[in-house]
N, C-alpha and C. Protein backbone atom coordinates (compact mmCIF):
# COMPACT_ATOMS: atom_id res chain seq x y z
N MET A 1 40.94 -58.03 136.47
CA MET A 1 39.62 -58.20 137.12
C MET A 1 39.13 -58.29 135.31
N GLY A 2 38.67 -60.00 135.66
CA GLY A 2 37.48 -60.39 134.91
C GLY A 2 38.61 -61.04 133.89
N GLY A 3 37.99 -61.04 132.19
CA GLY A 3 38.81 -61.56 130.86
C GLY A 3 39.20 -63.34 131.20
N GLY A 4 38.50 -64.08 132.04
CA GLY A 4 38.58 -64.91 132.07
C GLY A 4 39.09 -66.49 130.93
N GLU A 5 38.15 -65.68 129.38
CA GLU A 5 38.41 -66.23 128.14
C GLU A 5 40.07 -66.68 128.30
N GLY A 6 41.11 -65.50 129.45
CA GLY A 6 41.76 -65.20 128.83
C GLY A 6 42.47 -64.73 127.12
N SER A 7 42.00 -64.08 127.38
CA SER A 7 42.20 -63.13 126.06
C SER A 7 43.23 -61.52 126.31
N ALA A 8 42.64 -60.85 127.68
CA ALA A 8 43.33 -59.93 128.39
C ALA A 8 44.78 -60.36 128.70
N ALA A 9 45.09 -61.86 129.65
CA ALA A 9 46.00 -61.94 129.98
C ALA A 9 47.50 -62.52 128.38
N ARG A 10 46.43 -62.91 127.32
CA ARG A 10 47.38 -63.28 126.05
C ARG A 10 47.76 -62.47 125.16
N GLU A 11 47.53 -60.77 125.80
CA GLU A 11 47.64 -59.64 125.09
C GLU A 11 49.01 -58.75 125.50
N VAL A 12 48.60 -58.96 127.23
CA VAL A 12 49.73 -58.22 128.31
C VAL A 12 50.63 -59.46 128.24
N LEU A 13 51.08 -60.47 127.91
CA LEU A 13 51.93 -61.69 127.94
C LEU A 13 53.05 -60.88 126.60
N ARG A 14 52.12 -60.16 125.34
CA ARG A 14 52.94 -59.96 124.71
C ARG A 14 54.16 -58.79 124.58
N HIS A 15 53.63 -58.32 125.87
CA HIS A 15 54.46 -56.80 126.66
C HIS A 15 55.77 -57.79 127.11
N LYS A 16 57.10 -58.24 126.61
CA LYS A 16 58.32 -58.97 127.28
C LYS A 16 58.27 -58.70 129.16
N SER A 17 58.43 -56.87 129.13
CA SER A 17 59.18 -56.85 129.90
C SER A 17 58.07 -57.33 131.27
N MET A 18 56.36 -57.51 130.65
CA MET A 18 55.54 -57.59 132.27
C MET A 18 56.41 -58.96 132.57
N GLU A 19 55.93 -59.10 134.30
CA GLU A 19 57.38 -60.00 134.99
C GLU A 19 55.96 -60.60 135.53
N LYS A 20 54.29 -59.95 136.32
CA LYS A 20 54.12 -60.66 137.05
C LYS A 20 52.75 -59.76 136.20
N ILE A 21 51.61 -61.61 135.39
CA ILE A 21 49.83 -61.15 135.91
C ILE A 21 49.18 -62.17 136.24
N VAL A 22 48.37 -61.10 137.47
CA VAL A 22 47.97 -61.74 138.38
C VAL A 22 46.63 -61.75 137.62
N MET A 23 45.46 -63.08 137.55
CA MET A 23 44.34 -62.22 136.81
C MET A 23 43.44 -62.83 137.99
N CYS A 24 42.56 -61.79 137.94
CA CYS A 24 40.91 -62.81 138.62
C CYS A 24 39.41 -62.69 137.97
N ASP A 25 39.23 -64.35 138.03
CA ASP A 25 37.90 -63.71 137.98
C ASP A 25 37.26 -64.67 138.87
N ILE A 26 35.67 -64.60 138.73
CA ILE A 26 34.98 -65.54 139.50
C ILE A 26 34.21 -66.04 138.28
N ASP A 27 34.07 -66.69 137.66
CA ASP A 27 33.64 -67.89 137.22
C ASP A 27 34.33 -69.24 137.14
N GLN A 28 34.51 -70.65 137.71
CA GLN A 28 36.12 -71.58 136.71
C GLN A 28 35.05 -72.03 136.08
N GLU A 29 33.78 -71.77 135.86
CA GLU A 29 33.00 -72.86 134.39
C GLU A 29 33.96 -72.11 133.64
N VAL A 30 33.26 -70.74 133.44
CA VAL A 30 34.09 -69.87 132.36
C VAL A 30 35.72 -70.01 131.76
N VAL A 31 36.56 -69.74 132.55
CA VAL A 31 38.09 -69.91 132.63
C VAL A 31 38.24 -71.48 132.31
N ASP A 32 37.68 -73.16 133.34
CA ASP A 32 37.75 -73.84 132.39
C ASP A 32 38.05 -74.45 131.14
N PHE A 33 36.40 -73.64 130.84
CA PHE A 33 35.30 -73.78 128.89
C PHE A 33 36.68 -73.62 128.12
N CYS A 34 36.87 -72.12 128.39
CA CYS A 34 38.00 -71.14 127.49
C CYS A 34 39.00 -72.03 127.99
N LYS A 35 39.83 -72.29 128.71
CA LYS A 35 41.16 -73.18 129.10
C LYS A 35 41.33 -74.36 128.09
N LYS A 36 40.27 -75.08 127.96
CA LYS A 36 39.88 -76.18 127.34
C LYS A 36 40.01 -76.09 125.42
N HIS A 37 39.61 -74.93 125.14
CA HIS A 37 38.37 -74.93 123.96
C HIS A 37 38.97 -73.54 122.81
N LEU A 38 39.43 -72.39 123.52
CA LEU A 38 39.44 -71.12 122.86
C LEU A 38 41.24 -71.54 122.74
N THR A 39 41.71 -72.08 121.88
CA THR A 39 43.21 -72.54 121.11
C THR A 39 43.91 -71.18 121.31
N ALA A 40 43.43 -70.30 120.42
CA ALA A 40 44.24 -68.84 120.57
C ALA A 40 44.73 -68.65 122.32
N ASN A 41 44.46 -68.60 123.37
CA ASN A 41 44.61 -68.71 124.34
C ASN A 41 44.91 -69.70 125.18
N HIS A 42 45.66 -70.72 124.70
CA HIS A 42 46.74 -72.10 125.36
C HIS A 42 47.42 -72.09 126.18
N GLU A 43 48.44 -70.69 125.33
CA GLU A 43 49.79 -70.34 125.87
C GLU A 43 49.87 -69.74 126.69
N ALA A 44 48.80 -68.00 126.60
CA ALA A 44 48.31 -67.44 127.97
C ALA A 44 47.96 -68.37 128.81
N PHE A 45 47.25 -69.50 129.07
CA PHE A 45 47.06 -70.13 130.77
C PHE A 45 48.01 -70.64 130.74
N ARG A 46 49.00 -70.67 129.93
CA ARG A 46 50.82 -71.98 130.04
C ARG A 46 51.24 -71.45 131.29
N ASN A 47 51.52 -69.76 130.42
CA ASN A 47 52.33 -69.12 131.43
C ASN A 47 52.90 -68.87 132.04
N LYS A 48 54.10 -68.94 132.55
CA LYS A 48 54.32 -70.00 133.84
C LYS A 48 54.44 -67.82 134.32
N LYS A 49 54.18 -67.24 133.71
CA LYS A 49 53.83 -65.39 134.69
C LYS A 49 52.40 -65.06 135.08
N LEU A 50 51.70 -65.90 134.85
CA LEU A 50 50.64 -65.48 134.88
C LEU A 50 49.61 -66.79 136.25
N ASN A 51 49.16 -65.75 136.99
CA ASN A 51 48.43 -66.33 138.73
C ASN A 51 47.12 -65.70 138.01
N LEU A 52 46.29 -67.38 138.03
CA LEU A 52 45.15 -67.05 137.93
C LEU A 52 44.37 -67.94 138.76
N VAL A 53 43.05 -66.41 139.36
CA VAL A 53 42.73 -66.57 141.22
C VAL A 53 41.62 -66.49 140.52
N ILE A 54 40.53 -67.58 140.96
CA ILE A 54 39.28 -67.38 140.84
C ILE A 54 38.43 -66.93 142.62
N ASN A 55 37.79 -66.32 142.11
CA ASN A 55 37.77 -64.85 142.81
C ASN A 55 36.71 -63.84 142.70
N ASP A 56 36.13 -63.48 143.41
CA ASP A 56 35.52 -61.52 143.30
C ASP A 56 36.59 -60.99 143.50
N ALA A 57 36.68 -60.01 142.19
CA ALA A 57 37.91 -59.34 141.71
C ALA A 57 38.11 -58.10 142.76
N LYS A 58 36.21 -57.91 143.45
CA LYS A 58 36.08 -56.50 144.76
C LYS A 58 37.14 -57.16 145.67
N ALA A 59 36.06 -58.23 146.44
CA ALA A 59 37.52 -59.04 147.41
C ALA A 59 39.00 -59.30 147.27
N GLU A 60 38.87 -59.81 146.32
CA GLU A 60 40.82 -59.75 145.63
C GLU A 60 41.37 -58.76 145.91
N LEU A 61 41.29 -57.64 145.71
CA LEU A 61 41.63 -56.09 145.78
C LEU A 61 41.79 -55.78 147.45
N GLU A 62 40.82 -55.62 147.63
CA GLU A 62 40.08 -56.04 149.05
C GLU A 62 41.60 -56.42 150.12
N GLN A 63 41.59 -58.15 150.17
CA GLN A 63 42.54 -58.77 150.68
C GLN A 63 43.79 -57.85 149.95
N ARG A 64 44.48 -58.41 148.88
CA ARG A 64 45.74 -58.04 148.52
C ARG A 64 46.53 -56.69 149.23
N GLN A 65 47.67 -57.25 149.29
CA GLN A 65 48.87 -55.98 150.44
C GLN A 65 49.14 -54.71 149.37
N GLU A 66 49.45 -55.80 148.09
CA GLU A 66 50.43 -55.90 147.23
C GLU A 66 49.79 -54.27 146.16
N LYS A 67 50.49 -53.70 145.13
CA LYS A 67 50.24 -52.36 144.49
C LYS A 67 50.69 -53.02 143.59
N PHE A 68 49.73 -52.08 141.85
CA PHE A 68 50.63 -53.16 141.07
C PHE A 68 50.15 -51.82 139.83
N ASP A 69 50.63 -52.11 138.69
CA ASP A 69 51.68 -51.24 138.02
C ASP A 69 50.37 -50.97 136.98
N ILE A 70 49.66 -51.53 136.72
CA ILE A 70 48.48 -51.87 135.56
C ILE A 70 47.28 -52.57 136.35
N ILE A 71 46.50 -52.05 136.13
CA ILE A 71 45.47 -52.82 136.31
C ILE A 71 44.20 -52.81 135.06
N ILE A 72 43.46 -54.27 135.27
CA ILE A 72 42.74 -54.07 133.65
C ILE A 72 41.67 -54.67 134.60
N GLY A 73 40.64 -53.82 133.87
CA GLY A 73 39.09 -54.46 134.24
C GLY A 73 38.83 -54.80 132.60
N ASP A 74 38.37 -56.33 132.32
CA ASP A 74 37.78 -57.34 130.91
C ASP A 74 36.28 -57.34 132.14
N LEU A 75 35.57 -57.06 131.88
CA LEU A 75 34.31 -57.36 132.51
C LEU A 75 33.43 -57.79 131.62
N ALA A 76 32.61 -57.66 132.67
CA ALA A 76 30.51 -57.90 131.71
C ALA A 76 30.31 -56.57 131.97
N ASP A 77 28.80 -56.87 131.44
CA ASP A 77 28.17 -55.87 131.17
C ASP A 77 27.90 -54.86 132.88
N PRO A 78 27.61 -54.23 133.02
CA PRO A 78 27.52 -53.67 134.62
C PRO A 78 25.35 -53.92 135.03
N VAL A 79 24.96 -55.10 134.58
CA VAL A 79 23.63 -55.40 134.89
C VAL A 79 23.47 -55.00 136.18
N GLU A 80 22.85 -54.46 137.36
CA GLU A 80 22.15 -54.24 137.74
C GLU A 80 21.05 -55.43 138.90
N GLY A 81 22.38 -55.98 139.52
CA GLY A 81 22.33 -57.26 140.56
C GLY A 81 23.53 -58.28 139.84
N GLY A 82 23.85 -57.97 139.13
CA GLY A 82 24.75 -58.57 137.93
C GLY A 82 25.99 -59.40 138.84
N PRO A 83 27.39 -60.11 138.83
CA PRO A 83 28.64 -60.39 139.13
C PRO A 83 28.96 -59.07 139.27
N CYS A 84 29.29 -58.05 138.36
CA CYS A 84 30.29 -57.24 138.51
C CYS A 84 29.53 -55.59 138.05
N TYR A 85 27.66 -55.80 138.51
CA TYR A 85 27.76 -54.48 138.89
C TYR A 85 28.57 -53.69 139.65
N GLN A 86 28.79 -53.66 140.82
CA GLN A 86 29.75 -53.72 141.59
C GLN A 86 30.56 -52.85 141.40
N LEU A 87 31.89 -53.39 140.16
CA LEU A 87 32.73 -53.26 139.75
C LEU A 87 32.95 -51.84 138.75
N TYR A 88 31.78 -50.68 138.60
CA TYR A 88 31.73 -49.94 137.79
C TYR A 88 31.21 -48.84 138.39
N THR A 89 31.16 -48.29 139.94
CA THR A 89 30.92 -47.97 140.48
C THR A 89 31.74 -46.75 140.82
N GLN A 90 31.92 -45.93 140.98
CA GLN A 90 32.77 -44.66 141.46
C GLN A 90 33.39 -44.89 143.61
N SER A 91 32.99 -44.81 143.56
CA SER A 91 33.10 -45.73 144.76
C SER A 91 33.99 -46.60 144.86
N PHE A 92 33.70 -47.86 144.04
CA PHE A 92 34.88 -48.36 143.57
C PHE A 92 36.44 -48.51 143.17
N TYR A 93 35.88 -47.64 142.16
CA TYR A 93 37.49 -46.90 141.92
C TYR A 93 38.03 -46.64 143.11
N GLU A 94 38.04 -45.57 143.20
CA GLU A 94 38.25 -44.65 144.40
C GLU A 94 38.82 -45.11 145.65
N ASN A 95 38.17 -46.53 145.75
CA ASN A 95 38.04 -46.68 147.90
C ASN A 95 38.61 -47.94 147.96
N ILE A 96 38.59 -48.87 146.24
CA ILE A 96 39.17 -50.06 145.52
C ILE A 96 40.62 -50.67 145.22
N VAL A 97 40.16 -50.16 143.54
CA VAL A 97 41.28 -49.54 142.47
C VAL A 97 42.29 -48.79 142.87
N LYS A 98 42.06 -47.36 143.01
CA LYS A 98 42.97 -46.39 142.59
C LYS A 98 44.62 -46.42 144.36
N PRO A 99 44.13 -47.04 145.38
CA PRO A 99 44.68 -47.69 146.34
C PRO A 99 46.06 -48.91 146.03
N LYS A 100 45.32 -49.42 145.67
CA LYS A 100 46.51 -50.71 144.70
C LYS A 100 47.33 -49.96 143.77
N LEU A 101 47.16 -49.51 143.41
CA LEU A 101 47.70 -48.71 142.17
C LEU A 101 48.91 -48.47 143.21
N ASP A 102 50.10 -48.01 141.86
CA ASP A 102 51.38 -47.98 142.59
C ASP A 102 51.27 -46.09 142.16
N ASP A 103 52.18 -45.34 142.46
CA ASP A 103 52.31 -43.84 142.00
C ASP A 103 51.96 -43.82 140.77
N THR A 104 52.50 -44.46 140.08
CA THR A 104 52.08 -43.73 138.55
C THR A 104 51.92 -45.01 137.36
N GLY A 105 50.44 -45.69 138.93
CA GLY A 105 50.10 -46.47 138.28
C GLY A 105 49.12 -46.02 137.28
N ILE A 106 47.58 -46.97 136.53
CA ILE A 106 47.15 -46.86 135.72
C ILE A 106 46.26 -48.25 135.88
N PHE A 107 45.20 -47.42 134.98
CA PHE A 107 43.41 -48.35 135.26
C PHE A 107 43.10 -48.19 133.77
N VAL A 108 42.78 -49.36 133.19
CA VAL A 108 42.27 -49.62 132.25
C VAL A 108 40.96 -50.60 132.26
N THR A 109 39.77 -49.85 131.90
CA THR A 109 39.18 -50.69 131.12
C THR A 109 38.42 -50.89 129.94
N GLN A 110 36.97 -51.35 129.72
CA GLN A 110 36.83 -51.55 128.58
C GLN A 110 35.47 -51.50 129.06
N VAL A 111 34.32 -51.13 127.64
CA VAL A 111 32.79 -50.84 128.38
C VAL A 111 32.04 -51.38 127.54
N ASN A 112 31.77 -52.25 127.51
CA ASN A 112 30.41 -52.94 126.59
C ASN A 112 29.26 -52.21 126.77
N SER A 113 28.96 -50.97 127.97
CA SER A 113 27.23 -51.10 127.91
C SER A 113 27.27 -49.37 128.14
N HIS A 114 26.39 -49.04 126.93
CA HIS A 114 26.02 -47.32 128.16
C HIS A 114 25.17 -47.26 129.00
N SER A 115 25.10 -48.28 129.92
CA SER A 115 24.28 -48.19 131.14
C SER A 115 25.87 -48.39 131.95
N LEU A 116 26.98 -47.51 131.69
CA LEU A 116 27.97 -47.45 132.68
C LEU A 116 27.55 -46.13 133.42
N LEU A 117 26.79 -45.97 132.51
CA LEU A 117 26.59 -43.96 133.41
C LEU A 117 25.06 -43.92 134.06
N LEU A 118 24.23 -44.73 133.95
CA LEU A 118 23.54 -44.92 135.50
C LEU A 118 24.03 -45.61 136.44
N SER A 119 24.82 -46.30 136.56
CA SER A 119 25.98 -47.04 137.93
C SER A 119 26.76 -45.84 138.40
N LEU A 120 26.65 -45.21 137.58
CA LEU A 120 27.39 -43.65 138.57
C LEU A 120 27.70 -43.49 139.32
């Protein structure tokens, strides 16, 4: 979820055991800019294992039938009314993320802001 600049995909691709990576970002303009200008991530964007989806992460997870070994949240801060706010709620984790993980799956996220505590 998120990671439109390609850095999370780049780091995941370092693990040769990864068979498929689905990266979902809501902002096509950011992705296009980063694909063109962030040279450190050019290889990640060109990798055949990467399936880049431009969509709202919540909507994308809700509609997918598959389960994942790992779900990574590389999101912007949870600013109220912003595009990521709904992705920092207990309801989202319990009702959307958890059912999409396989039996031994894990969820990892980074938090840039202390305001996360305010949104739970």
